[in-house]
Amino acid sequence: QVQLQESGPGLVKPSQTLSLTCTVSGGSITTKYYDWSWIRQAPGKGLEWIGYIGYSGSTYYNPSLKSRTSISRDTSKNQFTLQLSSVTPEDTAVYYCARDVPSSSYNDYWGQGTQVTVSS
């Protein structure tokens, strides 16, 4: 039912800002009480939670990335976005958007993921 699709550039230069958009269909990003997360997986690494935006627009970020992360949304387009500034090659990863089940750390729907490479 719910589908998520990531989009954005696959290559970003170091020190620039990584910007991705998640387009949601089959469900509204304003529906109580779901949160909408960005998650990434670097080569050979596990999943790393970046942050989320809640149904009301509240945002929460991984403390290790908070200073560089901004998540926002456009409810008219049923989209939410990720901006990660000052990127380095260590930010190279597959980036996913996902829906979070209320009061849990479980993600019931995921996008297919999009590869982002940070390189000069």
PDB file of N, CA and C in Angstrom:
ATOM      1  N   GLN A   1       0.832  -1.216   0.000  1.00  0.00           N
ATOM      2  CA  GLN A   1       0.000   0.000   0.000  1.00  0.00           C
ATOM      3  C   GLN A   1       0.861   1.260   0.000  1.00  0.00           C
ATOM      4  N   VAL A   2       1.665   1.422   1.047  1.00  0.00           N
ATOM      5  CA  VAL A   2       2.532   2.585   1.144  1.00  0.00           C
ATOM      6  C   VAL A   2       3.795   2.342   0.330  1.00  0.00           C
ATOM      7  N   GLN A   3       4.143   3.314  -0.481  1.00  0.00           N
ATOM      8  CA  GLN A   3       5.360   3.257  -1.268  1.00  0.00           C
ATOM      9  C   GLN A   3       6.181   4.511  -1.046  1.00  0.00           C
ATOM     10  N   LEU A   4       7.494   4.339  -0.965  1.00  0.00           N
ATOM     11  CA  LEU A   4       8.411   5.446  -0.788  1.00  0.00           C
ATOM     12  C   LEU A   4       9.464   5.375  -1.879  1.00  0.00           C
ATOM     13  N   GLN A   5       9.831   6.528  -2.401  1.00  0.00           N
ATOM     14  CA  GLN A   5      10.802   6.586  -3.475  1.00  0.00           C
ATOM     15  C   GLN A   5      11.787   7.720  -3.216  1.00  0.00           C
ATOM     16  N   GLU A   6      13.061   7.373  -3.107  1.00  0.00           N
ATOM     17  CA  GLU A   6      14.106   8.375  -2.933  1.00  0.00           C
ATOM     18  C   GLU A   6      14.518   8.939  -4.288  1.00  0.00           C
ATOM     19  N   SER A   7      14.896  10.194  -4.288  1.00  0.00           N
ATOM     20  CA  SER A   7      15.419  10.803  -5.493  1.00  0.00           C
ATOM     21  C   SER A   7      16.423  11.888  -5.123  1.00  0.00           C
ATOM     22  N   GLY A   8      17.347  12.129  -6.032  1.00  0.00           N
ATOM     23  CA  GLY A   8      18.363  13.142  -5.822  1.00  0.00           C
ATOM     24  C   GLY A   8      19.638  12.760  -6.543  1.00  0.00           C
ATOM     25  N   PRO A   9      20.617  13.622  -6.504  1.00  0.00           N
ATOM     26  CA  PRO A   9      21.864  13.349  -7.227  1.00  0.00           C
ATOM     27  C   PRO A   9      22.638  12.196  -6.606  1.00  0.00           C
ATOM     28  N   GLY A  10      23.275  11.421  -7.454  1.00  0.00           N
ATOM     29  CA  GLY A  10      24.051  10.287  -6.988  1.00  0.00           C
ATOM     30  C   GLY A  10      25.494  10.615  -6.668  1.00  0.00           C
ATOM     31  N   LEU A  11      25.930  11.799  -7.027  1.00  0.00           N
ATOM     32  CA  LEU A  11      27.304  12.213  -6.797  1.00  0.00           C
ATOM     33  C   LEU A  11      27.318  13.608  -6.192  1.00  0.00           C
ATOM     34  N   VAL A  12      28.034  13.750  -5.089  1.00  0.00           N
ATOM     35  CA  VAL A  12      28.165  15.026  -4.396  1.00  0.00           C
ATOM     36  C   VAL A  12      29.638  15.274  -4.112  1.00  0.00           C
ATOM     37  N   LYS A  13      30.061  16.492  -4.284  1.00  0.00           N
ATOM     38  CA  LYS A  13      31.453  16.839  -4.021  1.00  0.00           C
ATOM     39  C   LYS A  13      31.683  17.088  -2.536  1.00  0.00           C
ATOM     40  N   PRO A  14      32.869  16.744  -2.032  1.00  0.00           N
ATOM     41  CA  PRO A  14      33.173  17.013  -0.624  1.00  0.00           C
ATOM     42  C   PRO A  14      32.956  18.479  -0.271  1.00  0.00           C
ATOM     43  N   SER A  15      32.470  18.696   0.929  1.00  0.00           N
ATOM     44  CA  SER A  15      32.142  19.999   1.508  1.00  0.00           C
ATOM     45  C   SER A  15      30.792  20.545   1.057  1.00  0.00           C
ATOM     46  N   GLN A  16      30.191  19.926   0.062  1.00  0.00           N
ATOM     47  CA  GLN A  16      28.886  20.388  -0.396  1.00  0.00           C
ATOM     48  C   GLN A  16      27.760  19.743   0.408  1.00  0.00           C
ATOM     49  N   THR A  17      26.535  20.058   0.050  1.00  0.00           N
ATOM     50  CA  THR A  17      25.368  19.556   0.750  1.00  0.00           C
ATOM     51  C   THR A  17      24.676  18.469  -0.055  1.00  0.00           C
ATOM     52  N   LEU A  18      24.449  17.353   0.601  1.00  0.00           N
ATOM     53  CA  LEU A  18      23.698  16.250   0.026  1.00  0.00           C
ATOM     54  C   LEU A  18      22.217  16.532   0.219  1.00  0.00           C
ATOM     55  N   SER A  19      21.447  16.488  -0.852  1.00  0.00           N
ATOM     56  CA  SER A  19      20.015  16.748  -0.779  1.00  0.00           C
ATOM     57  C   SER A  19      19.251  15.620  -1.444  1.00  0.00           C
ATOM     58  N   LEU A  20      18.333  15.024  -0.704  1.00  0.00           N
ATOM     59  CA  LEU A  20      17.507  13.943  -1.211  1.00  0.00           C
ATOM     60  C   LEU A  20      16.047  14.209  -0.885  1.00  0.00           C
ATOM     61  N   THR A  21      15.184  13.691  -1.725  1.00  0.00           N
ATOM     62  CA  THR A  21      13.749  13.813  -1.526  1.00  0.00           C
ATOM     63  C   THR A  21      13.126  12.425  -1.476  1.00  0.00           C
ATOM     64  N   CYS A  22      12.203  12.247  -0.561  1.00  0.00           N
ATOM     65  CA  CYS A  22      11.424  11.014  -0.488  1.00  0.00           C
ATOM     66  C   CYS A  22       9.980  11.338  -0.838  1.00  0.00           C
ATOM     67  N   THR A  23       9.490  10.710  -1.881  1.00  0.00           N
ATOM     68  CA  THR A  23       8.107  10.887  -2.296  1.00  0.00           C
ATOM     69  C   THR A  23       7.285   9.702  -1.804  1.00  0.00           C
ATOM     70  N   VAL A  24       6.221   9.992  -1.084  1.00  0.00           N
ATOM     71  CA  VAL A  24       5.392   8.965  -0.471  1.00  0.00           C
ATOM     72  C   VAL A  24       4.062   8.873  -1.198  1.00  0.00           C
ATOM     73  N   SER A  25       3.639   7.659  -1.483  1.00  0.00           N
ATOM     74  CA  SER A  25       2.321   7.411  -2.054  1.00  0.00           C
ATOM     75  C   SER A  25       1.623   6.323  -1.256  1.00  0.00           C
ATOM     76  N   GLY A  26       0.301   6.315  -1.314  1.00  0.00           N
ATOM     77  CA  GLY A  26      -0.468   5.309  -0.592  1.00  0.00           C
ATOM     78  C   GLY A  26      -0.690   5.622   0.872  1.00  0.00           C
ATOM     79  N   GLY A  27      -0.225   6.743   1.332  1.00  0.00           N
ATOM     80  CA  GLY A  27      -0.386   7.169   2.715  1.00  0.00           C
ATOM     81  C   GLY A  27       0.128   8.576   2.880  1.00  0.00           C
ATOM     82  N   SER A  28      -0.429   9.286   3.821  1.00  0.00           N
ATOM     83  CA  SER A  28      -0.066  10.680   4.052  1.00  0.00           C
ATOM     84  C   SER A  28       1.018  10.794   5.107  1.00  0.00           C
ATOM     85  N   ILE A  29       1.972  11.681   4.884  1.00  0.00           N
ATOM     86  CA  ILE A  29       3.026  11.901   5.870  1.00  0.00           C
ATOM     87  C   ILE A  29       2.522  12.660   7.086  1.00  0.00           C
ATOM     88  N   THR A  30       1.287  13.094   7.069  1.00  0.00           N
ATOM     89  CA  THR A  30       0.703  13.778   8.220  1.00  0.00           C
ATOM     90  C   THR A  30      -0.200  12.866   9.051  1.00  0.00           C
ATOM     91  N   THR A  31      -0.303  11.604   8.688  1.00  0.00           N
ATOM     92  CA  THR A  31      -1.154  10.677   9.431  1.00  0.00           C
ATOM     93  C   THR A  31      -0.560  10.321  10.790  1.00  0.00           C
ATOM     94  N   LYS A  32      -1.386  10.480  11.839  1.00  0.00           N
ATOM     95  CA  LYS A  32      -0.945  10.088  13.177  1.00  0.00           C
ATOM     96  C   LYS A  32      -0.740   8.583  13.243  1.00  0.00           C
ATOM     97  N   TYR A  33       0.233   8.169  13.914  1.00  0.00           N
ATOM     98  CA  TYR A  33       1.298   8.823  14.627  1.00  0.00           C
ATOM     99  C   TYR A  33       2.649   8.440  14.038  1.00  0.00           C
ATOM    100  N   TYR A  34       2.678   8.259  12.739  1.00  0.00           N
ATOM    101  CA  TYR A  34       3.880   7.753  12.085  1.00  0.00           C
ATOM    102  C   TYR A  34       4.975   8.804  11.970  1.00  0.00           C
ATOM    103  N   ASP A  35       6.207   8.332  12.048  1.00  0.00           N
ATOM    104  CA  ASP A  35       7.380   9.151  11.779  1.00  0.00           C
ATOM    105  C   ASP A  35       8.012   8.692  10.469  1.00  0.00           C
ATOM    106  N   TRP A  36       8.763   9.571   9.878  1.00  0.00           N
ATOM    107  CA  TRP A  36       9.364   9.308   8.570  1.00  0.00           C
ATOM    108  C   TRP A  36      10.862   9.542   8.659  1.00  0.00           C
ATOM    109  N   SER A  37      11.612   8.477   8.454  1.00  0.00           N
ATOM    110  CA  SER A  37      13.043   8.478   8.731  1.00  0.00           C
ATOM    111  C   SER A  37      13.900   8.473   7.484  1.00  0.00           C
ATOM    112  N   TRP A  38      15.095   8.965   7.674  1.00  0.00           N
ATOM    113  CA  TRP A  38      16.197   8.751   6.741  1.00  0.00           C
ATOM    114  C   TRP A  38      17.218   7.831   7.412  1.00  0.00           C
ATOM    115  N   ILE A  39      17.655   6.834   6.672  1.00  0.00           N
ATOM    116  CA  ILE A  39      18.578   5.824   7.152  1.00  0.00           C
ATOM    117  C   ILE A  39      19.598   5.589   6.055  1.00  0.00           C
ATOM    118  N   ARG A  40      20.817   5.280   6.426  1.00  0.00           N
ATOM    119  CA  ARG A  40      21.823   5.022   5.407  1.00  0.00           C
ATOM    120  C   ARG A  40      22.650   3.797   5.750  1.00  0.00           C
ATOM    121  N   GLN A  41      23.301   3.252   4.730  1.00  0.00           N
ATOM    122  CA  GLN A  41      24.179   2.110   4.906  1.00  0.00           C
ATOM    123  C   GLN A  41      25.416   2.309   4.045  1.00  0.00           C
ATOM    124  N   ALA A  42      26.537   2.511   4.696  1.00  0.00           N
ATOM    125  CA  ALA A  42      27.807   2.650   4.003  1.00  0.00           C
ATOM    126  C   ALA A  42      28.334   1.275   3.626  1.00  0.00           C
ATOM    127  N   PRO A  43      29.214   1.205   2.636  1.00  0.00           N
ATOM    128  CA  PRO A  43      29.750  -0.096   2.216  1.00  0.00           C
ATOM    129  C   PRO A  43      30.379  -0.856   3.375  1.00  0.00           C
ATOM    130  N   GLY A  44      29.959  -2.103   3.555  1.00  0.00           N
ATOM    131  CA  GLY A  44      30.497  -2.936   4.611  1.00  0.00           C
ATOM    132  C   GLY A  44      30.034  -2.581   6.003  1.00  0.00           C
ATOM    133  N   LYS A  45      29.107  -1.654   6.127  1.00  0.00           N
ATOM    134  CA  LYS A  45      28.624  -1.216   7.431  1.00  0.00           C
ATOM    135  C   LYS A  45      27.156  -1.576   7.618  1.00  0.00           C
ATOM    136  N   GLY A  46      26.711  -1.438   8.838  1.00  0.00           N
ATOM    137  CA  GLY A  46      25.311  -1.651   9.145  1.00  0.00           C
ATOM    138  C   GLY A  46      24.480  -0.408   8.878  1.00  0.00           C
ATOM    139  N   LEU A  47      23.208  -0.533   9.128  1.00  0.00           N
ATOM    140  CA  LEU A  47      22.301   0.592   8.946  1.00  0.00           C
ATOM    141  C   LEU A  47      22.553   1.650  10.008  1.00  0.00           C
ATOM    142  N   GLU A  48      22.516   2.897   9.598  1.00  0.00           N
ATOM    143  CA  GLU A  48      22.690   4.024  10.505  1.00  0.00           C
ATOM    144  C   GLU A  48      21.494   4.953  10.366  1.00  0.00           C
ATOM    145  N   TRP A  49      20.815   5.177  11.470  1.00  0.00           N
ATOM    146  CA  TRP A  49      19.688   6.101  11.473  1.00  0.00           C
ATOM    147  C   TRP A  49      20.185   7.535  11.444  1.00  0.00           C
ATOM    148  N   ILE A  50      19.628   8.331  10.561  1.00  0.00           N
ATOM    149  CA  ILE A  50      20.030   9.722  10.413  1.00  0.00           C
ATOM    150  C   ILE A  50      19.099  10.650  11.189  1.00  0.00           C
ATOM    151  N   GLY A  51      17.819  10.447  11.040  1.00  0.00           N
ATOM    152  CA  GLY A  51      16.843  11.275  11.729  1.00  0.00           C
ATOM    153  C   GLY A  51      15.459  11.031  11.179  1.00  0.00           C
ATOM    154  N   TYR A  52      14.477  11.701  11.772  1.00  0.00           N
ATOM    155  CA  TYR A  52      13.126  11.570  11.261  1.00  0.00           C
ATOM    156  C   TYR A  52      12.342  12.853  11.422  1.00  0.00           C
ATOM    157  N   ILE A  53      11.266  12.925  10.691  1.00  0.00           N
ATOM    158  CA  ILE A  53      10.294  13.991  10.856  1.00  0.00           C
ATOM    159  C   ILE A  53       8.961  13.335  11.189  1.00  0.00           C
ATOM    160  N   GLY A  54       8.325  13.831  12.225  1.00  0.00           N
ATOM    161  CA  GLY A  54       7.070  13.265  12.686  1.00  0.00           C
ATOM    162  C   GLY A  54       5.871  13.764  11.902  1.00  0.00           C
ATOM    163  N   TYR A  55       4.742  13.172  12.191  1.00  0.00           N
ATOM    164  CA  TYR A  55       3.522  13.536  11.470  1.00  0.00           C
ATOM    165  C   TYR A  55       3.152  15.007  11.638  1.00  0.00           C
ATOM    166  N   SER A  56       3.562  15.606  12.762  1.00  0.00           N
ATOM    167  CA  SER A  56       3.260  17.001  13.027  1.00  0.00           C
ATOM    168  C   SER A  56       4.353  17.949  12.536  1.00  0.00           C
ATOM    169  N   GLY A  57       5.466  17.396  12.061  1.00  0.00           N
ATOM    170  CA  GLY A  57       6.571  18.203  11.590  1.00  0.00           C
ATOM    171  C   GLY A  57       7.748  18.283  12.537  1.00  0.00           C
ATOM    172  N   SER A  58       7.646  17.696  13.718  1.00  0.00           N
ATOM    173  CA  SER A  58       8.762  17.686  14.653  1.00  0.00           C
ATOM    174  C   SER A  58       9.898  16.837  14.112  1.00  0.00           C
ATOM    175  N   THR A  59      11.114  17.273  14.343  1.00  0.00           N
ATOM    176  CA  THR A  59      12.275  16.561  13.834  1.00  0.00           C
ATOM    177  C   THR A  59      13.182  16.099  14.958  1.00  0.00           C
ATOM    178  N   TYR A  60      13.861  14.987  14.717  1.00  0.00           N
ATOM    179  CA  TYR A  60      14.818  14.419  15.659  1.00  0.00           C
ATOM    180  C   TYR A  60      15.957  13.836  14.853  1.00  0.00           C
ATOM    181  N   TYR A  61      17.173  14.032  15.357  1.00  0.00           N
ATOM    182  CA  TYR A  61      18.350  13.637  14.608  1.00  0.00           C
ATOM    183  C   TYR A  61      19.295  12.774  15.433  1.00  0.00           C
ATOM    184  N   ASN A  62      20.019  11.921  14.752  1.00  0.00           N
ATOM    185  CA  ASN A  62      21.107  11.184  15.360  1.00  0.00           C
ATOM    186  C   ASN A  62      22.107  12.199  15.912  1.00  0.00           C
ATOM    187  N   PRO A  63      22.445  12.119  17.195  1.00  0.00           N
ATOM    188  CA  PRO A  63      23.356  13.116  17.768  1.00  0.00           C
ATOM    189  C   PRO A  63      24.680  13.245  17.026  1.00  0.00           C
ATOM    190  N   SER A  64      25.160  12.159  16.438  1.00  0.00           N
ATOM    191  CA  SER A  64      26.433  12.207  15.735  1.00  0.00           C
ATOM    192  C   SER A  64      26.356  12.977  14.425  1.00  0.00           C
ATOM    193  N   LEU A  65      25.149  13.201  13.931  1.00  0.00           N
ATOM    194  CA  LEU A  65      24.952  13.882  12.660  1.00  0.00           C
ATOM    195  C   LEU A  65      24.131  15.151  12.781  1.00  0.00           C
ATOM    196  N   LYS A  66      23.637  15.439  13.964  1.00  0.00           N
ATOM    197  CA  LYS A  66      22.674  16.515  14.151  1.00  0.00           C
ATOM    198  C   LYS A  66      23.151  17.855  13.627  1.00  0.00           C
ATOM    199  N   SER A  67      24.417  18.160  13.856  1.00  0.00           N
ATOM    200  CA  SER A  67      24.927  19.465  13.470  1.00  0.00           C
ATOM    201  C   SER A  67      24.937  19.677  11.967  1.00  0.00           C
ATOM    202  N   ARG A  68      24.858  18.591  11.204  1.00  0.00           N
ATOM    203  CA  ARG A  68      24.930  18.695   9.751  1.00  0.00           C
ATOM    204  C   ARG A  68      23.624  18.337   9.058  1.00  0.00           C
ATOM    205  N   THR A  69      22.602  17.981   9.814  1.00  0.00           N
ATOM    206  CA  THR A  69      21.398  17.392   9.239  1.00  0.00           C
ATOM    207  C   THR A  69      20.190  18.313   9.351  1.00  0.00           C
ATOM    208  N   SER A  70      19.421  18.351   8.296  1.00  0.00           N
ATOM    209  CA  SER A  70      18.140  19.043   8.324  1.00  0.00           C
ATOM    210  C   SER A  70      17.119  18.222   7.541  1.00  0.00           C
ATOM    211  N   ILE A  71      16.017  17.892   8.183  1.00  0.00           N
ATOM    212  CA  ILE A  71      14.920  17.188   7.537  1.00  0.00           C
ATOM    213  C   ILE A  71      13.713  18.117   7.501  1.00  0.00           C
ATOM    214  N   SER A  72      13.097  18.199   6.358  1.00  0.00           N
ATOM    215  CA  SER A  72      11.929  19.052   6.196  1.00  0.00           C
ATOM    216  C   SER A  72      10.890  18.321   5.358  1.00  0.00           C
ATOM    217  N   ARG A  73       9.744  18.976   5.140  1.00  0.00           N
ATOM    218  CA  ARG A  73       8.701  18.316   4.377  1.00  0.00           C
ATOM    219  C   ARG A  73       7.883  19.306   3.581  1.00  0.00           C
ATOM    220  N   ASP A  74       7.227  18.781   2.574  1.00  0.00           N
ATOM    221  CA  ASP A  74       6.270  19.533   1.788  1.00  0.00           C
ATOM    222  C   ASP A  74       4.994  18.701   1.784  1.00  0.00           C
ATOM    223  N   THR A  75       4.061  19.061   2.633  1.00  0.00           N
ATOM    224  CA  THR A  75       2.857  18.243   2.780  1.00  0.00           C
ATOM    225  C   THR A  75       1.981  18.277   1.530  1.00  0.00           C
ATOM    226  N   SER A  76       2.045  19.362   0.776  1.00  0.00           N
ATOM    227  CA  SER A  76       1.246  19.451  -0.441  1.00  0.00           C
ATOM    228  C   SER A  76       1.702  18.453  -1.494  1.00  0.00           C
ATOM    229  N   LYS A  77       2.961  18.059  -1.431  1.00  0.00           N
ATOM    230  CA  LYS A  77       3.510  17.080  -2.358  1.00  0.00           C
ATOM    231  C   LYS A  77       3.689  15.706  -1.718  1.00  0.00           C
ATOM    232  N   ASN A  78       3.374  15.605  -0.424  1.00  0.00           N
ATOM    233  CA  ASN A  78       3.567  14.366   0.319  1.00  0.00           C
ATOM    234  C   ASN A  78       5.020  13.891   0.211  1.00  0.00           C
ATOM    235  N   GLN A  79       5.920  14.828   0.444  1.00  0.00           N
ATOM    236  CA  GLN A  79       7.346  14.566   0.348  1.00  0.00           C
ATOM    237  C   GLN A  79       8.059  15.032   1.597  1.00  0.00           C
ATOM    238  N   PHE A  80       9.146  14.367   1.918  1.00  0.00           N
ATOM    239  CA  PHE A  80      10.056  14.897   2.921  1.00  0.00           C
ATOM    240  C   PHE A  80      11.480  14.787   2.397  1.00  0.00           C
ATOM    241  N   THR A  81      12.329  15.681   2.902  1.00  0.00           N
ATOM    242  CA  THR A  81      13.648  15.847   2.316  1.00  0.00           C
ATOM    243  C   THR A  81      14.742  15.719   3.364  1.00  0.00           C
ATOM    244  N   LEU A  82      15.918  15.387   2.891  1.00  0.00           N
ATOM    245  CA  LEU A  82      17.116  15.319   3.715  1.00  0.00           C
ATOM    246  C   LEU A  82      18.157  16.264   3.146  1.00  0.00           C
ATOM    247  N   GLN A  83      18.751  17.061   4.013  1.00  0.00           N
ATOM    248  CA  GLN A  83      19.914  17.848   3.661  1.00  0.00           C
ATOM    249  C   GLN A  83      21.023  17.528   4.645  1.00  0.00           C
ATOM    250  N   LEU A  84      22.139  17.069   4.135  1.00  0.00           N
ATOM    251  CA  LEU A  84      23.305  16.750   4.941  1.00  0.00           C
ATOM    252  C   LEU A  84      24.449  17.598   4.428  1.00  0.00           C
ATOM    253  N   SER A  85      24.896  18.513   5.236  1.00  0.00           N
ATOM    254  CA  SER A  85      25.891  19.487   4.810  1.00  0.00           C
ATOM    255  C   SER A  85      27.310  19.008   5.078  1.00  0.00           C
ATOM    256  N   SER A  86      28.258  19.708   4.479  1.00  0.00           N
ATOM    257  CA  SER A  86      29.687  19.469   4.708  1.00  0.00           C
ATOM    258  C   SER A  86      30.059  18.003   4.572  1.00  0.00           C
ATOM    259  N   VAL A  87      29.646  17.397   3.498  1.00  0.00           N
ATOM    260  CA  VAL A  87      29.853  15.959   3.344  1.00  0.00           C
ATOM    261  C   VAL A  87      31.314  15.625   3.069  1.00  0.00           C
ATOM    262  N   THR A  88      31.678  14.415   3.453  1.00  0.00           N
ATOM    263  CA  THR A  88      32.994  13.852   3.211  1.00  0.00           C
ATOM    264  C   THR A  88      32.812  12.486   2.565  1.00  0.00           C
ATOM    265  N   PRO A  89      33.886  11.859   2.088  1.00  0.00           N
ATOM    266  CA  PRO A  89      33.739  10.518   1.528  1.00  0.00           C
ATOM    267  C   PRO A  89      33.124   9.510   2.494  1.00  0.00           C
ATOM    268  N   GLU A  90      33.229   9.755   3.804  1.00  0.00           N
ATOM    269  CA  GLU A  90      32.617   8.862   4.782  1.00  0.00           C
ATOM    270  C   GLU A  90      31.095   8.899   4.744  1.00  0.00           C
ATOM    271  N   ASP A  91      30.538   9.871   4.064  1.00  0.00           N
ATOM    272  CA  ASP A  91      29.092   9.941   3.901  1.00  0.00           C
ATOM    273  C   ASP A  91      28.600   9.140   2.700  1.00  0.00           C
ATOM    274  N   THR A  92      29.510   8.558   1.953  1.00  0.00           N
ATOM    275  CA  THR A  92      29.121   7.697   0.839  1.00  0.00           C
ATOM    276  C   THR A  92      28.331   6.506   1.370  1.00  0.00           C
ATOM    277  N   ALA A  93      27.146   6.293   0.833  1.00  0.00           N
ATOM    278  CA  ALA A  93      26.271   5.243   1.339  1.00  0.00           C
ATOM    279  C   ALA A  93      25.064   5.109   0.432  1.00  0.00           C
ATOM    280  N   VAL A  94      24.315   4.048   0.664  1.00  0.00           N
ATOM    281  CA  VAL A  94      22.973   3.949   0.123  1.00  0.00           C
ATOM    282  C   VAL A  94      22.043   4.606   1.130  1.00  0.00           C
ATOM    283  N   TYR A  95      21.251   5.536   0.672  1.00  0.00           N
ATOM    284  CA  TYR A  95      20.349   6.284   1.536  1.00  0.00           C
ATOM    285  C   TYR A  95      18.915   5.807   1.320  1.00  0.00           C
ATOM    286  N   TYR A  96      18.253   5.533   2.421  1.00  0.00           N
ATOM    287  CA  TYR A  96      16.879   5.062   2.398  1.00  0.00           C
ATOM    288  C   TYR A  96      15.963   6.028   3.133  1.00  0.00           C
ATOM    289  N   CYS A  97      14.746   6.135   2.661  1.00  0.00           N
ATOM    290  CA  CYS A  97      13.695   6.706   3.487  1.00  0.00           C
ATOM    291  C   CYS A  97      12.764   5.576   3.906  1.00  0.00           C
ATOM    292  N   ALA A  98      12.136   5.740   5.059  1.00  0.00           N
ATOM    293  CA  ALA A  98      11.321   4.676   5.622  1.00  0.00           C
ATOM    294  C   ALA A  98      10.265   5.253   6.550  1.00  0.00           C
ATOM    295  N   ARG A  99       9.195   4.512   6.732  1.00  0.00           N
ATOM    296  CA  ARG A  99       8.164   4.876   7.691  1.00  0.00           C
ATOM    297  C   ARG A  99       8.394   4.126   8.986  1.00  0.00           C
ATOM    298  N   ASP A 100       8.253   4.835  10.104  1.00  0.00           N
ATOM    299  CA  ASP A 100       8.454   4.258  11.419  1.00  0.00           C
ATOM    300  C   ASP A 100       7.116   3.930  12.060  1.00  0.00           C
ATOM    301  N   VAL A 101       7.010   2.715  12.576  1.00  0.00           N
ATOM    302  CA  VAL A 101       5.811   2.311  13.307  1.00  0.00           C
ATOM    303  C   VAL A 101       5.738   3.109  14.603  1.00  0.00           C
ATOM    304  N   PRO A 102       4.562   3.622  14.965  1.00  0.00           N
ATOM    305  CA  PRO A 102       4.447   4.421  16.189  1.00  0.00           C
ATOM    306  C   PRO A 102       5.007   3.710  17.411  1.00  0.00           C
ATOM    307  N   SER A 103       5.719   4.475  18.228  1.00  0.00           N
ATOM    308  CA  SER A 103       6.275   4.004  19.505  1.00  0.00           C
ATOM    309  C   SER A 103       7.201   2.808  19.346  1.00  0.00           C
ATOM    310  N   SER A 104       7.926   2.770  18.254  1.00  0.00           N
ATOM    311  CA  SER A 104       8.867   1.684  18.035  1.00  0.00           C
ATOM    312  C   SER A 104      10.033   2.171  17.184  1.00  0.00           C
ATOM    313  N   SER A 105      11.033   1.324  17.056  1.00  0.00           N
ATOM    314  CA  SER A 105      12.147   1.591  16.152  1.00  0.00           C
ATOM    315  C   SER A 105      12.040   0.741  14.892  1.00  0.00           C
ATOM    316  N   TYR A 106      10.869   0.200  14.652  1.00  0.00           N
ATOM    317  CA  TYR A 106      10.631  -0.664  13.510  1.00  0.00           C
ATOM    318  C   TYR A 106      10.135   0.135  12.323  1.00  0.00           C
ATOM    319  N   ASN A 107      10.727  -0.118  11.177  1.00  0.00           N
ATOM    320  CA  ASN A 107      10.342   0.536   9.938  1.00  0.00           C
ATOM    321  C   ASN A 107       9.559  -0.452   9.080  1.00  0.00           C
ATOM    322  N   ASP A 108       8.297  -0.163   8.862  1.00  0.00           N
ATOM    323  CA  ASP A 108       7.470  -1.126   8.151  1.00  0.00           C
ATOM    324  C   ASP A 108       7.483  -0.961   6.639  1.00  0.00           C
ATOM    325  N   TYR A 109       7.786   0.222   6.152  1.00  0.00           N
ATOM    326  CA  TYR A 109       7.909   0.450   4.722  1.00  0.00           C
ATOM    327  C   TYR A 109       9.198   1.183   4.432  1.00  0.00           C
ATOM    328  N   TRP A 110       9.856   0.768   3.367  1.00  0.00           N
ATOM    329  CA  TRP A 110      11.136   1.329   2.945  1.00  0.00           C
ATOM    330  C   TRP A 110      11.101   1.711   1.480  1.00  0.00           C
ATOM    331  N   GLY A 111      11.854   2.735   1.130  1.00  0.00           N
ATOM    332  CA  GLY A 111      12.148   2.973  -0.262  1.00  0.00           C
ATOM    333  C   GLY A 111      13.181   1.980  -0.750  1.00  0.00           C
ATOM    334  N   GLN A 112      13.437   1.987  -2.026  1.00  0.00           N
ATOM    335  CA  GLN A 112      14.401   1.051  -2.591  1.00  0.00           C
ATOM    336  C   GLN A 112      15.837   1.436  -2.289  1.00  0.00           C
ATOM    337  N   GLY A 113      16.065   2.658  -1.883  1.00  0.00           N
ATOM    338  CA  GLY A 113      17.394   3.163  -1.598  1.00  0.00           C
ATOM    339  C   GLY A 113      18.012   3.824  -2.813  1.00  0.00           C
ATOM    340  N   THR A 114      18.848   4.791  -2.554  1.00  0.00           N
ATOM    341  CA  THR A 114      19.567   5.458  -3.626  1.00  0.00           C
ATOM    342  C   THR A 114      21.033   5.626  -3.237  1.00  0.00           C
ATOM    343  N   GLN A 115      21.908   5.281  -4.145  1.00  0.00           N
ATOM    344  CA  GLN A 115      23.343   5.381  -3.900  1.00  0.00           C
ATOM    345  C   GLN A 115      23.782   6.828  -4.009  1.00  0.00           C
ATOM    346  N   VAL A 116      24.495   7.297  -3.001  1.00  0.00           N
ATOM    347  CA  VAL A 116      25.107   8.619  -3.038  1.00  0.00           C
ATOM    348  C   VAL A 116      26.602   8.461  -2.793  1.00  0.00           C
ATOM    349  N   THR A 117      27.377   8.955  -3.717  1.00  0.00           N
ATOM    350  CA  THR A 117      28.828   8.892  -3.610  1.00  0.00           C
ATOM    351  C   THR A 117      29.379  10.293  -3.416  1.00  0.00           C
ATOM    352  N   VAL A 118      30.223  10.448  -2.411  1.00  0.00           N
ATOM    353  CA  VAL A 118      30.888  11.723  -2.164  1.00  0.00           C
ATOM    354  C   VAL A 118      32.315  11.601  -2.675  1.00  0.00           C
ATOM    355  N   SER A 119      32.609  12.345  -3.708  1.00  0.00           N
ATOM    356  CA  SER A 119      33.921  12.255  -4.334  1.00  0.00           C
ATOM    357  C   SER A 119      34.192  13.514  -5.140  1.00  0.00           C
ATOM    358  N   SER A 120      35.447  13.874  -5.197  1.00  0.00           N
ATOM    359  CA  SER A 120      35.858  14.998  -6.019  1.00  0.00           C
ATOM    360  C   SER A 120      36.271  14.556  -7.415  1.00  0.00           C
TER     361      SER A 120
END
